[in-house]
Amino acid sequence: MNIAVVLIVGAIVGALDGVGIFFAPEEPYKIEIFGAATLKGILVSVITALSLGSGRAWWQGGLVGAFYGFAFALVIFLAKGGFKSKDAPYVVLSGIVFGFINGVLLVAFAYRRR
């Protein structure tokens, strides 16, 4: 496993997940939320890479990534008040989708081919 690739993939996927906050004009903490989304992407990437091994299929990486993306997004969902928050339900769906993308990219790029 190439740890530099794991960190870069996580940072890019996390940044793509968080960039949408800049389109919310009423949000006062755009930079902080963007940083948190990028960090979440890195953490999901690291834990997914540690759970995978070389020789995995793309769909296995996607499922593991989706699971960890869901787990991290669920923490954010509950911390924001669950269904009482108007934005929180979308966090879970995006966590699953970007976790899946993260896992697929890790299988494709983080492990050396033999």
C-alpha atoms as a PDB file:
ATOM      1  CA  MET A   1       0.000   0.000   0.000  1.00  0.00           C
ATOM      2  CA  ASN A   2       1.287   3.415  -0.950  1.00  0.00           C
ATOM      3  CA  ILE A   3       0.402   5.698   1.989  1.00  0.00           C
ATOM      4  CA  ALA A   4       1.033   8.882   0.000  1.00  0.00           C
ATOM      5  CA  VAL A   5      -1.564   7.807  -2.566  1.00  0.00           C
ATOM      6  CA  VAL A   6      -3.986   6.910   0.242  1.00  0.00           C
ATOM      7  CA  LEU A   7      -3.649  10.392   1.764  1.00  0.00           C
ATOM      8  CA  ILE A   8      -3.883  12.186  -1.578  1.00  0.00           C
ATOM      9  CA  VAL A   9      -6.962  10.221  -2.684  1.00  0.00           C
ATOM     10  CA  GLY A  10      -8.610  10.891   0.679  1.00  0.00           C
ATOM     11  CA  ALA A  11      -7.836  14.599   0.540  1.00  0.00           C
ATOM     12  CA  ILE A  12      -9.153  14.986  -3.006  1.00  0.00           C
ATOM     13  CA  VAL A  13     -12.339  12.988  -2.395  1.00  0.00           C
ATOM     14  CA  GLY A  14     -12.936  14.793   0.905  1.00  0.00           C
ATOM     15  CA  ALA A  15     -12.423  18.173  -0.721  1.00  0.00           C
ATOM     16  CA  LEU A  16     -14.886  17.273  -3.472  1.00  0.00           C
ATOM     17  CA  ASP A  17     -17.358  16.233  -0.779  1.00  0.00           C
ATOM     18  CA  GLY A  18     -16.963  19.531   1.071  1.00  0.00           C
ATOM     19  CA  VAL A  19     -16.759  22.011  -1.789  1.00  0.00           C
ATOM     20  CA  GLY A  20     -20.549  22.299  -1.951  1.00  0.00           C
ATOM     21  CA  ILE A  21     -20.558  24.324   1.263  1.00  0.00           C
ATOM     22  CA  PHE A  22     -19.314  27.333  -0.694  1.00  0.00           C
ATOM     23  CA  PHE A  23     -22.689  27.430  -2.475  1.00  0.00           C
ATOM     24  CA  ALA A  24     -24.586  27.920   0.801  1.00  0.00           C
ATOM     25  CA  PRO A  25     -24.729  31.708   1.247  1.00  0.00           C
ATOM     26  CA  GLU A  26     -26.143  31.550   4.795  1.00  0.00           C
ATOM     27  CA  GLU A  27     -23.331  29.336   6.167  1.00  0.00           C
ATOM     28  CA  PRO A  28     -20.846  31.383   8.237  1.00  0.00           C
ATOM     29  CA  TYR A  29     -18.197  28.640   8.719  1.00  0.00           C
ATOM     30  CA  LYS A  30     -17.373  27.655   5.156  1.00  0.00           C
ATOM     31  CA  ILE A  31     -13.616  27.206   5.538  1.00  0.00           C
ATOM     32  CA  GLU A  32     -13.988  25.183   8.742  1.00  0.00           C
ATOM     33  CA  ILE A  33     -16.575  22.849   7.212  1.00  0.00           C
ATOM     34  CA  PHE A  34     -14.465  22.431   4.079  1.00  0.00           C
ATOM     35  CA  GLY A  35     -11.455  21.533   6.236  1.00  0.00           C
ATOM     36  CA  ALA A  36     -13.518  19.068   8.247  1.00  0.00           C
ATOM     37  CA  ALA A  37     -14.802  17.393   5.067  1.00  0.00           C
ATOM     38  CA  THR A  38     -11.260  17.091   3.734  1.00  0.00           C
ATOM     39  CA  LEU A  39     -10.072  15.588   7.012  1.00  0.00           C
ATOM     40  CA  LYS A  40     -13.034  13.190   7.003  1.00  0.00           C
ATOM     41  CA  GLY A  41     -12.065  12.077   3.506  1.00  0.00           C
ATOM     42  CA  ILE A  42      -8.498  11.415   4.616  1.00  0.00           C
ATOM     43  CA  LEU A  43      -9.655   9.428   7.644  1.00  0.00           C
ATOM     44  CA  VAL A  44     -12.092   7.350   5.581  1.00  0.00           C
ATOM     45  CA  SER A  45      -9.316   6.714   3.072  1.00  0.00           C
ATOM     46  CA  VAL A  46      -6.822   5.573   5.707  1.00  0.00           C
ATOM     47  CA  ILE A  47      -9.224   3.269   7.523  1.00  0.00           C
ATOM     48  CA  THR A  48     -10.488   1.837   4.226  1.00  0.00           C
ATOM     49  CA  ALA A  49      -6.946   1.191   3.008  1.00  0.00           C
ATOM     50  CA  LEU A  50      -6.065  -0.514   6.281  1.00  0.00           C
ATOM     51  CA  SER A  51      -9.125  -2.748   5.985  1.00  0.00           C
ATOM     52  CA  LEU A  52      -8.450  -3.697   2.379  1.00  0.00           C
ATOM     53  CA  GLY A  53      -5.552  -5.679   1.082  1.00  0.00           C
ATOM     54  CA  SER A  54      -3.919  -6.060  -2.267  1.00  0.00           C
ATOM     55  CA  GLY A  55      -5.759  -8.126  -4.814  1.00  0.00           C
ATOM     56  CA  ARG A  56      -9.240  -6.852  -3.980  1.00  0.00           C
ATOM     57  CA  ALA A  57     -11.841  -6.189  -6.643  1.00  0.00           C
ATOM     58  CA  TRP A  58     -13.053  -2.647  -7.248  1.00  0.00           C
ATOM     59  CA  TRP A  59     -16.503  -3.419  -5.856  1.00  0.00           C
ATOM     60  CA  GLN A  60     -15.010  -4.780  -2.627  1.00  0.00           C
ATOM     61  CA  GLY A  61     -13.078  -1.553  -2.168  1.00  0.00           C
ATOM     62  CA  GLY A  62     -16.228   0.388  -2.932  1.00  0.00           C
ATOM     63  CA  LEU A  63     -18.279  -1.517  -0.363  1.00  0.00           C
ATOM     64  CA  VAL A  64     -15.664  -1.149   2.370  1.00  0.00           C
ATOM     65  CA  GLY A  65     -15.304   2.553   1.556  1.00  0.00           C
ATOM     66  CA  ALA A  66     -19.079   3.028   1.539  1.00  0.00           C
ATOM     67  CA  PHE A  67     -19.329   1.364   4.949  1.00  0.00           C
ATOM     68  CA  TYR A  68     -16.682   3.602   6.509  1.00  0.00           C
ATOM     69  CA  GLY A  69     -18.091   6.660   4.726  1.00  0.00           C
ATOM     70  CA  PHE A  70     -21.483   5.807   6.207  1.00  0.00           C
ATOM     71  CA  ALA A  71     -19.999   5.358   9.692  1.00  0.00           C
ATOM     72  CA  PHE A  72     -18.208   8.723   9.664  1.00  0.00           C
ATOM     73  CA  ALA A  73     -21.236  10.477   8.145  1.00  0.00           C
ATOM     74  CA  LEU A  74     -23.485   8.930  10.794  1.00  0.00           C
ATOM     75  CA  VAL A  75     -21.328  10.516  13.490  1.00  0.00           C
ATOM     76  CA  ILE A  76     -21.753  13.918  11.832  1.00  0.00           C
ATOM     77  CA  PHE A  77     -25.483  13.304  11.331  1.00  0.00           C
ATOM     78  CA  LEU A  78     -26.008  12.540  15.010  1.00  0.00           C
ATOM     79  CA  ALA A  79     -23.771  15.416  16.151  1.00  0.00           C
ATOM     80  CA  LYS A  80     -25.838  17.876  14.092  1.00  0.00           C
ATOM     81  CA  GLY A  81     -29.058  16.745  15.742  1.00  0.00           C
ATOM     82  CA  GLY A  82     -30.169  13.925  13.490  1.00  0.00           C
ATOM     83  CA  PHE A  83     -33.414  14.557  11.657  1.00  0.00           C
ATOM     84  CA  LYS A  84     -33.945  17.841  13.536  1.00  0.00           C
ATOM     85  CA  SER A  85     -31.305  19.455  11.331  1.00  0.00           C
ATOM     86  CA  LYS A  86     -32.399  20.435   7.835  1.00  0.00           C
ATOM     87  CA  ASP A  87     -29.007  19.602   6.282  1.00  0.00           C
ATOM     88  CA  ALA A  88     -27.934  16.540   8.247  1.00  0.00           C
ATOM     89  CA  PRO A  89     -29.766  13.802   6.262  1.00  0.00           C
ATOM     90  CA  TYR A  90     -27.818  14.727   3.121  1.00  0.00           C
ATOM     91  CA  VAL A  91     -24.545  14.181   4.975  1.00  0.00           C
ATOM     92  CA  VAL A  92     -25.213  10.439   5.274  1.00  0.00           C
ATOM     93  CA  LEU A  93     -25.950   9.937   1.589  1.00  0.00           C
ATOM     94  CA  SER A  94     -22.899  11.903   0.489  1.00  0.00           C
ATOM     95  CA  GLY A  95     -20.768   9.975   2.994  1.00  0.00           C
ATOM     96  CA  ILE A  96     -21.821   6.669   1.434  1.00  0.00           C
ATOM     97  CA  VAL A  97     -21.293   7.878  -2.134  1.00  0.00           C
ATOM     98  CA  PHE A  98     -17.914   9.508  -1.538  1.00  0.00           C
ATOM     99  CA  GLY A  99     -16.798   6.575   0.613  1.00  0.00           C
ATOM    100  CA  PHE A 100     -17.604   4.247  -2.281  1.00  0.00           C
ATOM    101  CA  ILE A 101     -15.620   6.437  -4.682  1.00  0.00           C
ATOM    102  CA  ASN A 102     -12.768   6.554  -2.186  1.00  0.00           C
ATOM    103  CA  GLY A 103     -12.631   2.762  -1.907  1.00  0.00           C
ATOM    104  CA  VAL A 104     -12.702   2.238  -5.667  1.00  0.00           C
ATOM    105  CA  LEU A 105      -9.886   4.740  -6.179  1.00  0.00           C
ATOM    106  CA  LEU A 106      -7.813   3.104  -3.456  1.00  0.00           C
ATOM    107  CA  VAL A 107      -8.114  -0.310  -5.090  1.00  0.00           C
ATOM    108  CA  ALA A 108      -7.123   1.232  -8.421  1.00  0.00           C
ATOM    109  CA  PHE A 109      -4.170   3.346  -7.287  1.00  0.00           C
ATOM    110  CA  ALA A 110      -2.919   2.611  -3.756  1.00  0.00           C
ATOM    111  CA  TYR A 111      -1.861  -0.998  -4.199  1.00  0.00           C
ATOM    112  CA  ARG A 112       0.965  -2.054  -6.469  1.00  0.00           C
ATOM    113  CA  ARG A 113       0.053  -4.385  -9.299  1.00  0.00           C
ATOM    114  CA  ARG A 114       2.059  -7.580  -9.580  1.00  0.00           C
END
